[in-house]
Amino acid sequence: MLVRIFFPGISLLVLSAFCIGVLNSHGRFFLSYAAPVVWSATIIVALIAVAAIGVVTVFGKDIRELFAASTGSLAGEQGANNAKKAKVTDKTMKTFSEKE
């Protein structure tokens, strides 16, 4: 299974090494030395994206609530403080319409 995932990546590395050799032979050195940096940055960004997708998949509801609370507090809302002060009482069909 991992061979199916890594084989295209290894093929791209071989192709990029060939292109770097061609660029070096033509005297263009900057692009040949910048390409591995871009490749590494792309791999790092992809790993971070996959990790973020995994975290959101596992902890989706908690993450959304955390983001909502943090953006609300950054926007100046005090909803989090009001939510902590809220008093929860049991409601029945008879007492549902009564105001507290």
PDB file of N, CA and C in Angstrom:
ATOM      1  N   MET A   1       0.821  -1.195   0.000  1.00  0.00           N
ATOM      2  CA  MET A   1       0.000   0.000   0.000  1.00  0.00           C
ATOM      3  C   MET A   1       0.866   1.260   0.000  1.00  0.00           C
ATOM      4  N   LEU A   2       1.900   1.280   0.818  1.00  0.00           N
ATOM      5  CA  LEU A   2       2.757   2.460   0.856  1.00  0.00           C
ATOM      6  C   LEU A   2       3.519   2.663  -0.448  1.00  0.00           C
ATOM      7  N   VAL A   3       3.783   1.578  -1.168  1.00  0.00           N
ATOM      8  CA  VAL A   3       4.477   1.704  -2.453  1.00  0.00           C
ATOM      9  C   VAL A   3       3.629   2.530  -3.414  1.00  0.00           C
ATOM     10  N   ARG A   4       2.331   2.356  -3.386  1.00  0.00           N
ATOM     11  CA  ARG A   4       1.435   3.127  -4.252  1.00  0.00           C
ATOM     12  C   ARG A   4       1.460   4.607  -3.909  1.00  0.00           C
ATOM     13  N   ILE A   5       1.714   4.909  -2.655  1.00  0.00           N
ATOM     14  CA  ILE A   5       1.755   6.311  -2.233  1.00  0.00           C
ATOM     15  C   ILE A   5       3.114   6.930  -2.535  1.00  0.00           C
ATOM     16  N   PHE A   6       4.191   6.211  -2.224  1.00  0.00           N
ATOM     17  CA  PHE A   6       5.525   6.789  -2.347  1.00  0.00           C
ATOM     18  C   PHE A   6       6.107   6.720  -3.756  1.00  0.00           C
ATOM     19  N   PHE A   7       5.658   5.805  -4.585  1.00  0.00           N
ATOM     20  CA  PHE A   7       6.249   5.649  -5.915  1.00  0.00           C
ATOM     21  C   PHE A   7       6.125   6.913  -6.767  1.00  0.00           C
ATOM     22  N   PRO A   8       4.956   7.568  -6.819  1.00  0.00           N
ATOM     23  CA  PRO A   8       4.897   8.815  -7.606  1.00  0.00           C
ATOM     24  C   PRO A   8       5.822   9.898  -7.050  1.00  0.00           C
ATOM     25  N   GLY A   9       5.953   9.960  -5.744  1.00  0.00           N
ATOM     26  CA  GLY A   9       6.847  10.954  -5.145  1.00  0.00           C
ATOM     27  C   GLY A   9       8.297  10.700  -5.490  1.00  0.00           C
ATOM     28  N   ILE A  10       8.698   9.435  -5.466  1.00  0.00           N
ATOM     29  CA  ILE A  10      10.072   9.091  -5.824  1.00  0.00           C
ATOM     30  C   ILE A  10      10.310   9.367  -7.300  1.00  0.00           C
ATOM     31  N   SER A  11       9.322   9.093  -8.122  1.00  0.00           N
ATOM     32  CA  SER A  11       9.445   9.389  -9.552  1.00  0.00           C
ATOM     33  C   SER A  11       9.625  10.881  -9.788  1.00  0.00           C
ATOM     34  N   LEU A  12       8.901  11.695  -9.029  1.00  0.00           N
ATOM     35  CA  LEU A  12       9.065  13.146  -9.152  1.00  0.00           C
ATOM     36  C   LEU A  12      10.446  13.598  -8.684  1.00  0.00           C
ATOM     37  N   LEU A  13      10.971  12.950  -7.652  1.00  0.00           N
ATOM     38  CA  LEU A  13      12.320  13.298  -7.197  1.00  0.00           C
ATOM     39  C   LEU A  13      13.364  12.965  -8.258  1.00  0.00           C
ATOM     40  N   VAL A  14      13.223  11.819  -8.908  1.00  0.00           N
ATOM     41  CA  VAL A  14      14.158  11.443  -9.963  1.00  0.00           C
ATOM     42  C   VAL A  14      14.057  12.421 -11.125  1.00  0.00           C
ATOM     43  N   LEU A  15      12.846  12.776 -11.502  1.00  0.00           N
ATOM     44  CA  LEU A  15      12.655  13.736 -12.585  1.00  0.00           C
ATOM     45  C   LEU A  15      13.231  15.101 -12.230  1.00  0.00           C
ATOM     46  N   SER A  16      13.020  15.532 -10.985  1.00  0.00           N
ATOM     47  CA  SER A  16      13.567  16.833 -10.580  1.00  0.00           C
ATOM     48  C   SER A  16      15.088  16.798 -10.526  1.00  0.00           C
ATOM     49  N   ALA A  17      15.689  15.680 -10.131  1.00  0.00           N
ATOM     50  CA  ALA A  17      17.151  15.576 -10.140  1.00  0.00           C
ATOM     51  C   ALA A  17      17.683  15.662 -11.566  1.00  0.00           C
ATOM     52  N   PHE A  18      16.989  15.036 -12.495  1.00  0.00           N
ATOM     53  CA  PHE A  18      17.382  15.126 -13.907  1.00  0.00           C
ATOM     54  C   PHE A  18      17.304  16.576 -14.394  1.00  0.00           C
ATOM     55  N   CYS A  19      16.208  17.264 -14.048  1.00  0.00           N
ATOM     56  CA  CYS A  19      16.052  18.666 -14.461  1.00  0.00           C
ATOM     57  C   CYS A  19      17.105  19.559 -13.825  1.00  0.00           C
ATOM     58  N   ILE A  20      17.465  19.290 -12.572  1.00  0.00           N
ATOM     59  CA  ILE A  20      18.516  20.063 -11.907  1.00  0.00           C
ATOM     60  C   ILE A  20      19.845  19.869 -12.639  1.00  0.00           C
ATOM     61  N   GLY A  21      20.142  18.646 -13.058  1.00  0.00           N
ATOM     62  CA  GLY A  21      21.365  18.391 -13.816  1.00  0.00           C
ATOM     63  C   GLY A  21      21.385  19.137 -15.137  1.00  0.00           C
ATOM     64  N   VAL A  22      20.242  19.168 -15.827  1.00  0.00           N
ATOM     65  CA  VAL A  22      20.162  19.901 -17.101  1.00  0.00           C
ATOM     66  C   VAL A  22      20.356  21.397 -16.858  1.00  0.00           C
ATOM     67  N   LEU A  23      19.716  21.938 -15.829  1.00  0.00           N
ATOM     68  CA  LEU A  23      19.863  23.364 -15.529  1.00  0.00           C
ATOM     69  C   LEU A  23      21.299  23.708 -15.143  1.00  0.00           C
ATOM     70  N   ASN A  24      21.945  22.836 -14.363  1.00  0.00           N
ATOM     71  CA  ASN A  24      23.340  23.081 -13.996  1.00  0.00           C
ATOM     72  C   ASN A  24      24.242  23.071 -15.220  1.00  0.00           C
ATOM     73  N   SER A  25      23.984  22.178 -16.153  1.00  0.00           N
ATOM     74  CA  SER A  25      24.826  22.118 -17.350  1.00  0.00           C
ATOM     75  C   SER A  25      24.650  23.347 -18.240  1.00  0.00           C
ATOM     76  N   HIS A  26      23.513  24.034 -18.130  1.00  0.00           N
ATOM     77  CA  HIS A  26      23.286  25.252 -18.904  1.00  0.00           C
ATOM     78  C   HIS A  26      23.670  26.507 -18.134  1.00  0.00           C
ATOM     79  N   GLY A  27      24.201  26.346 -16.942  1.00  0.00           N
ATOM     80  CA  GLY A  27      24.669  27.497 -16.170  1.00  0.00           C
ATOM     81  C   GLY A  27      23.587  28.228 -15.400  1.00  0.00           C
ATOM     82  N   ARG A  28      22.448  27.654 -15.237  1.00  0.00           N
ATOM     83  CA  ARG A  28      21.376  28.280 -14.457  1.00  0.00           C
ATOM     84  C   ARG A  28      21.325  27.593 -13.088  1.00  0.00           C
ATOM     85  N   PHE A  29      21.940  28.251 -12.120  1.00  0.00           N
ATOM     86  CA  PHE A  29      22.135  27.604 -10.824  1.00  0.00           C
ATOM     87  C   PHE A  29      21.060  27.960  -9.807  1.00  0.00           C
ATOM     88  N   PHE A  30      20.485  29.155  -9.915  1.00  0.00           N
ATOM     89  CA  PHE A  30      19.532  29.575  -8.881  1.00  0.00           C
ATOM     90  C   PHE A  30      18.310  28.659  -8.833  1.00  0.00           C
ATOM     91  N   LEU A  31      17.721  28.402  -9.981  1.00  0.00           N
ATOM     92  CA  LEU A  31      16.527  27.571 -10.013  1.00  0.00           C
ATOM     93  C   LEU A  31      16.815  26.149  -9.543  1.00  0.00           C
ATOM     94  N   SER A  32      18.001  25.649  -9.895  1.00  0.00           N
ATOM     95  CA  SER A  32      18.337  24.287  -9.488  1.00  0.00           C
ATOM     96  C   SER A  32      18.567  24.175  -7.987  1.00  0.00           C
ATOM     97  N   TYR A  33      18.972  25.262  -7.359  1.00  0.00           N
ATOM     98  CA  TYR A  33      19.156  25.216  -5.907  1.00  0.00           C
ATOM     99  C   TYR A  33      17.907  25.645  -5.145  1.00  0.00           C
ATOM    100  N   ALA A  34      17.027  26.372  -5.796  1.00  0.00           N
ATOM    101  CA  ALA A  34      15.778  26.789  -5.141  1.00  0.00           C
ATOM    102  C   ALA A  34      14.720  25.682  -5.193  1.00  0.00           C
ATOM    103  N   ALA A  35      14.814  24.791  -6.174  1.00  0.00           N
ATOM    104  CA  ALA A  35      13.809  23.738  -6.341  1.00  0.00           C
ATOM    105  C   ALA A  35      13.695  22.822  -5.111  1.00  0.00           C
ATOM    106  N   PRO A  36      14.797  22.350  -4.506  1.00  0.00           N
ATOM    107  CA  PRO A  36      14.640  21.515  -3.305  1.00  0.00           C
ATOM    108  C   PRO A  36      14.010  22.254  -2.123  1.00  0.00           C
ATOM    109  N   VAL A  37      14.253  23.553  -2.043  1.00  0.00           N
ATOM    110  CA  VAL A  37      13.646  24.338  -0.966  1.00  0.00           C
ATOM    111  C   VAL A  37      12.133  24.394  -1.153  1.00  0.00           C
ATOM    112  N   VAL A  38      11.700  24.621  -2.390  1.00  0.00           N
ATOM    113  CA  VAL A  38      10.264  24.648  -2.680  1.00  0.00           C
ATOM    114  C   VAL A  38       9.655  23.269  -2.441  1.00  0.00           C
ATOM    115  N   TRP A  39      10.375  22.219  -2.833  1.00  0.00           N
ATOM    116  CA  TRP A  39       9.897  20.844  -2.627  1.00  0.00           C
ATOM    117  C   TRP A  39       9.714  20.559  -1.131  1.00  0.00           C
ATOM    118  N   SER A  40      10.688  20.939  -0.331  1.00  0.00           N
ATOM    119  CA  SER A  40      10.603  20.707   1.116  1.00  0.00           C
ATOM    120  C   SER A  40       9.467  21.513   1.741  1.00  0.00           C
ATOM    121  N   ALA A  41       9.316  22.752   1.310  1.00  0.00           N
ATOM    122  CA  ALA A  41       8.228  23.577   1.841  1.00  0.00           C
ATOM    123  C   ALA A  41       6.869  22.993   1.468  1.00  0.00           C
ATOM    124  N   THR A  42       6.761  22.453   0.265  1.00  0.00           N
ATOM    125  CA  THR A  42       5.510  21.838  -0.160  1.00  0.00           C
ATOM    126  C   THR A  42       5.190  20.614   0.683  1.00  0.00           C
ATOM    127  N   ILE A  43       6.194  19.815   0.980  1.00  0.00           N
ATOM    128  CA  ILE A  43       5.987  18.630   1.815  1.00  0.00           C
ATOM    129  C   ILE A  43       5.553  19.031   3.220  1.00  0.00           C
ATOM    130  N   ILE A  44       6.186  20.066   3.775  1.00  0.00           N
ATOM    131  CA  ILE A  44       5.830  20.519   5.124  1.00  0.00           C
ATOM    132  C   ILE A  44       4.398  21.028   5.160  1.00  0.00           C
ATOM    133  N   VAL A  45       4.006  21.823   4.169  1.00  0.00           N
ATOM    134  CA  VAL A  45       2.638  22.347   4.116  1.00  0.00           C
ATOM    135  C   VAL A  45       1.627  21.211   3.956  1.00  0.00           C
ATOM    136  N   ALA A  46       1.959  20.223   3.131  1.00  0.00           N
ATOM    137  CA  ALA A  46       1.053  19.088   2.938  1.00  0.00           C
ATOM    138  C   ALA A  46       0.895  18.286   4.224  1.00  0.00           C
ATOM    139  N   LEU A  47       1.977  18.080   4.953  1.00  0.00           N
ATOM    140  CA  LEU A  47       1.882  17.339   6.217  1.00  0.00           C
ATOM    141  C   LEU A  47       1.063  18.098   7.251  1.00  0.00           C
ATOM    142  N   ILE A  48       1.236  19.409   7.318  1.00  0.00           N
ATOM    143  CA  ILE A  48       0.449  20.212   8.249  1.00  0.00           C
ATOM    144  C   ILE A  48      -1.029  20.176   7.873  1.00  0.00           C
ATOM    145  N   ALA A  49      -1.319  20.232   6.560  1.00  0.00           N
ATOM    146  CA  ALA A  49      -2.713  20.188   6.110  1.00  0.00           C
ATOM    147  C   ALA A  49      -3.357  18.842   6.437  1.00  0.00           C
ATOM    148  N   VAL A  50      -2.626  17.753   6.220  1.00  0.00           N
ATOM    149  CA  VAL A  50      -3.163  16.423   6.531  1.00  0.00           C
ATOM    150  C   VAL A  50      -3.392  16.278   8.035  1.00  0.00           C
ATOM    151  N   ALA A  51      -2.459  16.792   8.831  1.00  0.00           N
ATOM    152  CA  ALA A  51      -2.631  16.723  10.285  1.00  0.00           C
ATOM    153  C   ALA A  51      -3.831  17.557  10.736  1.00  0.00           C
ATOM    154  N   ALA A  52      -4.007  18.731  10.141  1.00  0.00           N
ATOM    155  CA  ALA A  52      -5.144  19.580  10.506  1.00  0.00           C
ATOM    156  C   ALA A  52      -6.462  18.920  10.125  1.00  0.00           C
ATOM    157  N   ILE A  53      -6.505  18.297   8.947  1.00  0.00           N
ATOM    158  CA  ILE A  53      -7.728  17.600   8.531  1.00  0.00           C
ATOM    159  C   ILE A  53      -8.029  16.454   9.490  1.00  0.00           C
ATOM    160  N   GLY A  54      -6.999  15.736   9.919  1.00  0.00           N
ATOM    161  CA  GLY A  54      -7.199  14.639  10.865  1.00  0.00           C
ATOM    162  C   GLY A  54      -7.692  15.124  12.210  1.00  0.00           C
ATOM    163  N   VAL A  55      -7.140  16.226  12.697  1.00  0.00           N
ATOM    164  CA  VAL A  55      -7.557  16.762  13.995  1.00  0.00           C
ATOM    165  C   VAL A  55      -9.001  17.242  13.924  1.00  0.00           C
ATOM    166  N   VAL A  56      -9.355  17.936  12.844  1.00  0.00           N
ATOM    167  CA  VAL A  56     -10.727  18.427  12.712  1.00  0.00           C
ATOM    168  C   VAL A  56     -11.699  17.262  12.555  1.00  0.00           C
ATOM    169  N   THR A  57     -11.272  16.200  11.880  1.00  0.00           N
ATOM    170  CA  THR A  57     -12.144  15.037  11.726  1.00  0.00           C
ATOM    171  C   THR A  57     -12.410  14.377  13.071  1.00  0.00           C
ATOM    172  N   VAL A  58     -11.384  14.255  13.895  1.00  0.00           N
ATOM    173  CA  VAL A  58     -11.545  13.577  15.180  1.00  0.00           C
ATOM    174  C   VAL A  58     -12.197  14.477  16.218  1.00  0.00           C
ATOM    175  N   PHE A  59     -11.749  15.734  16.289  1.00  0.00           N
ATOM    176  CA  PHE A  59     -12.230  16.652  17.325  1.00  0.00           C
ATOM    177  C   PHE A  59     -13.043  17.795  16.734  1.00  0.00           C
ATOM    178  N   GLY A  60     -13.841  17.527  15.708  1.00  0.00           N
ATOM    179  CA  GLY A  60     -14.528  18.572  14.954  1.00  0.00           C
ATOM    180  C   GLY A  60     -15.385  19.502  15.783  1.00  0.00           C
ATOM    181  N   LYS A  61     -16.272  18.949  16.584  1.00  0.00           N
ATOM    182  CA  LYS A  61     -17.201  19.790  17.343  1.00  0.00           C
ATOM    183  C   LYS A  61     -16.452  20.660  18.349  1.00  0.00           C
ATOM    184  N   ASP A  62     -15.497  20.071  19.047  1.00  0.00           N
ATOM    185  CA  ASP A  62     -14.747  20.839  20.035  1.00  0.00           C
ATOM    186  C   ASP A  62     -13.924  21.944  19.380  1.00  0.00           C
ATOM    187  N   ILE A  63     -13.332  21.644  18.233  1.00  0.00           N
ATOM    188  CA  ILE A  63     -12.530  22.643  17.529  1.00  0.00           C
ATOM    189  C   ILE A  63     -13.408  23.795  17.056  1.00  0.00           C
ATOM    190  N   ARG A  64     -14.590  23.479  16.507  1.00  0.00           N
ATOM    191  CA  ARG A  64     -15.487  24.539  16.050  1.00  0.00           C
ATOM    192  C   ARG A  64     -15.928  25.425  17.205  1.00  0.00           C
ATOM    193  N   GLU A  65     -16.224  24.814  18.346  1.00  0.00           N
ATOM    194  CA  GLU A  65     -16.621  25.617  19.511  1.00  0.00           C
ATOM    195  C   GLU A  65     -15.463  26.479  20.000  1.00  0.00           C
ATOM    196  N   LEU A  66     -14.251  25.931  19.970  1.00  0.00           N
ATOM    197  CA  LEU A  66     -13.084  26.705  20.385  1.00  0.00           C
ATOM    198  C   LEU A  66     -12.845  27.876  19.447  1.00  0.00           C
ATOM    199  N   PHE A  67     -12.926  27.641  18.128  1.00  0.00           N
ATOM    200  CA  PHE A  67     -12.752  28.725  17.164  1.00  0.00           C
ATOM    201  C   PHE A  67     -13.841  29.775  17.308  1.00  0.00           C
ATOM    202  N   ALA A  68     -15.074  29.334  17.537  1.00  0.00           N
ATOM    203  CA  ALA A  68     -16.173  30.281  17.702  1.00  0.00           C
ATOM    204  C   ALA A  68     -15.958  31.152  18.935  1.00  0.00           C
ATOM    205  N   ALA A  69     -15.533  30.542  20.023  1.00  0.00           N
ATOM    206  CA  ALA A  69     -15.301  31.310  21.247  1.00  0.00           C
ATOM    207  C   ALA A  69     -14.126  32.267  21.092  1.00  0.00           C
ATOM    208  N   SER A  70     -13.057  31.803  20.438  1.00  0.00           N
ATOM    209  CA  SER A  70     -11.884  32.670  20.295  1.00  0.00           C
ATOM    210  C   SER A  70     -12.151  33.822  19.336  1.00  0.00           C
ATOM    211  N   THR A  71     -12.856  33.562  18.222  1.00  0.00           N
ATOM    212  CA  THR A  71     -13.167  34.670  17.316  1.00  0.00           C
ATOM    213  C   THR A  71     -14.159  35.627  17.944  1.00  0.00           C
ATOM    214  N   GLY A  72     -15.088  35.105  18.732  1.00  0.00           N
ATOM    215  CA  GLY A  72     -16.013  35.989  19.422  1.00  0.00           C
ATOM    216  C   GLY A  72     -15.315  36.881  20.434  1.00  0.00           C
ATOM    217  N   SER A  73     -14.366  36.330  21.149  1.00  0.00           N
ATOM    218  CA  SER A  73     -13.649  37.152  22.128  1.00  0.00           C
ATOM    219  C   SER A  73     -12.719  38.143  21.441  1.00  0.00           C
ATOM    220  N   LEU A  74     -12.160  37.758  20.283  1.00  0.00           N
ATOM    221  CA  LEU A  74     -11.335  38.704  19.533  1.00  0.00           C
ATOM    222  C   LEU A  74     -12.170  39.843  18.953  1.00  0.00           C
ATOM    223  N   ALA A  75     -13.424  39.556  18.642  1.00  0.00           N
ATOM    224  CA  ALA A  75     -14.311  40.576  18.101  1.00  0.00           C
ATOM    225  C   ALA A  75     -14.890  41.474  19.190  1.00  0.00           C
ATOM    226  N   GLY A  76     -14.627  41.147  20.441  1.00  0.00           N
ATOM    227  CA  GLY A  76     -15.094  41.985  21.537  1.00  0.00           C
ATOM    228  C   GLY A  76     -16.390  41.537  22.154  1.00  0.00           C
ATOM    229  N   GLU A  77     -16.898  40.416  21.734  1.00  0.00           N
ATOM    230  CA  GLU A  77     -18.137  39.919  22.319  1.00  0.00           C
ATOM    231  C   GLU A  77     -17.848  39.330  23.699  1.00  0.00           C
ATOM    232  N   GLN A  78     -18.839  39.400  24.548  1.00  0.00           N
ATOM    233  CA  GLN A  78     -18.675  38.835  25.879  1.00  0.00           C
ATOM    234  C   GLN A  78     -19.652  37.680  26.071  1.00  0.00           C
ATOM    235  N   GLY A  79     -19.925  36.964  25.029  1.00  0.00           N
ATOM    236  CA  GLY A  79     -20.860  35.852  25.089  1.00  0.00           C
ATOM    237  C   GLY A  79     -20.358  34.718  25.953  1.00  0.00           C
ATOM    238  N   ALA A  80     -19.050  34.537  26.004  1.00  0.00           N
ATOM    239  CA  ALA A  80     -18.498  33.451  26.814  1.00  0.00           C
ATOM    240  C   ALA A  80     -18.746  33.715  28.291  1.00  0.00           C
ATOM    241  N   ASN A  81     -18.601  34.980  28.701  1.00  0.00           N
ATOM    242  CA  ASN A  81     -18.859  35.310  30.102  1.00  0.00           C
ATOM    243  C   ASN A  81     -20.334  35.149  30.433  1.00  0.00           C
ATOM    244  N   ASN A  82     -21.202  35.552  29.508  1.00  0.00           N
ATOM    245  CA  ASN A  82     -22.644  35.402  29.741  1.00  0.00           C
ATOM    246  C   ASN A  82     -23.033  33.939  29.794  1.00  0.00           C
ATOM    247  N   ALA A  83     -22.387  33.118  28.990  1.00  0.00           N
ATOM    248  CA  ALA A  83     -22.711  31.690  28.998  1.00  0.00           C
ATOM    249  C   ALA A  83     -22.317  31.052  30.321  1.00  0.00           C
ATOM    250  N   LYS A  84     -21.238  31.508  30.921  1.00  0.00           N
ATOM    251  CA  LYS A  84     -20.826  30.953  32.214  1.00  0.00           C
ATOM    252  C   LYS A  84     -21.791  31.365  33.320  1.00  0.00           C
ATOM    253  N   LYS A  85     -22.381  32.548  33.179  1.00  0.00           N
ATOM    254  CA  LYS A  85     -23.292  33.047  34.204  1.00  0.00           C
ATOM    255  C   LYS A  85     -24.715  32.526  34.030  1.00  0.00           C
ATOM    256  N   ALA A  86     -24.993  31.873  32.931  1.00  0.00           N
ATOM    257  CA  ALA A  86     -26.365  31.417  32.662  1.00  0.00           C
ATOM    258  C   ALA A  86     -26.794  30.386  33.693  1.00  0.00           C
ATOM    259  N   LYS A  87     -28.032  30.500  34.091  1.00  0.00           N
ATOM    260  CA  LYS A  87     -28.582  29.590  35.080  1.00  0.00           C
ATOM    261  C   LYS A  87     -29.500  28.607  34.365  1.00  0.00           C
ATOM    262  N   VAL A  88     -29.219  27.353  34.497  1.00  0.00           N
ATOM    263  CA  VAL A  88     -30.002  26.328  33.818  1.00  0.00           C
ATOM    264  C   VAL A  88     -30.958  25.711  34.825  1.00  0.00           C
ATOM    265  N   THR A  89     -32.226  25.706  34.468  1.00  0.00           N
ATOM    266  CA  THR A  89     -33.233  25.080  35.333  1.00  0.00           C
ATOM    267  C   THR A  89     -33.987  24.047  34.510  1.00  0.00           C
ATOM    268  N   ASP A  90     -34.538  23.093  35.214  1.00  0.00           N
ATOM    269  CA  ASP A  90     -35.322  22.063  34.533  1.00  0.00           C
ATOM    270  C   ASP A  90     -36.661  22.647  34.119  1.00  0.00           C
ATOM    271  N   LYS A  91     -37.027  22.390  32.903  1.00  0.00           N
ATOM    272  CA  LYS A  91     -38.309  22.852  32.380  1.00  0.00           C
ATOM    273  C   LYS A  91     -39.204  21.646  32.127  1.00  0.00           C
ATOM    274  N   THR A  92     -40.449  21.822  32.430  1.00  0.00           N
ATOM    275  CA  THR A  92     -41.466  20.810  32.105  1.00  0.00           C
ATOM    276  C   THR A  92     -42.478  21.467  31.185  1.00  0.00           C
ATOM    277  N   MET A  93     -43.425  20.698  30.749  1.00  0.00           N
ATOM    278  CA  MET A  93     -44.459  21.261  29.865  1.00  0.00           C
ATOM    279  C   MET A  93     -45.272  22.335  30.572  1.00  0.00           C
ATOM    280  N   LYS A  94     -45.444  22.211  31.874  1.00  0.00           N
ATOM    281  CA  LYS A  94     -46.228  23.191  32.618  1.00  0.00           C
ATOM    282  C   LYS A  94     -45.445  24.485  32.850  1.00  0.00           C
ATOM    283  N   THR A  95     -44.149  24.378  33.060  1.00  0.00           N
ATOM    284  CA  THR A  95     -43.357  25.561  33.409  1.00  0.00           C
ATOM    285  C   THR A  95     -42.536  26.095  32.236  1.00  0.00           C
ATOM    286  N   PHE A  96     -42.781  25.599  31.031  1.00  0.00           N
ATOM    287  CA  PHE A  96     -41.958  25.981  29.900  1.00  0.00           C
ATOM    288  C   PHE A  96     -42.136  27.444  29.528  1.00  0.00           C
ATOM    289  N   SER A  97     -43.355  27.960  29.628  1.00  0.00           N
ATOM    290  CA  SER A  97     -43.621  29.340  29.204  1.00  0.00           C
ATOM    291  C   SER A  97     -43.380  30.366  30.307  1.00  0.00           C
ATOM    292  N   GLU A  98     -43.059  29.926  31.497  1.00  0.00           N
ATOM    293  CA  GLU A  98     -42.844  30.863  32.598  1.00  0.00           C
ATOM    294  C   GLU A  98     -41.478  31.545  32.447  1.00  0.00           C
ATOM    295  N   LYS A  99     -41.478  32.830  32.753  1.00  0.00           N
ATOM    296  CA  LYS A  99     -40.232  33.594  32.720  1.00  0.00           C
ATOM    297  C   LYS A  99     -39.540  33.488  34.074  1.00  0.00           C
ATOM    298  N   GLU A 100     -38.272  33.564  34.048  1.00  0.00           N
ATOM    299  CA  GLU A 100     -37.526  33.468  35.328  1.00  0.00           C
ATOM    300  C   GLU A 100     -37.171  34.830  35.844  1.00  0.00           C
TER     301      GLU A 100
END
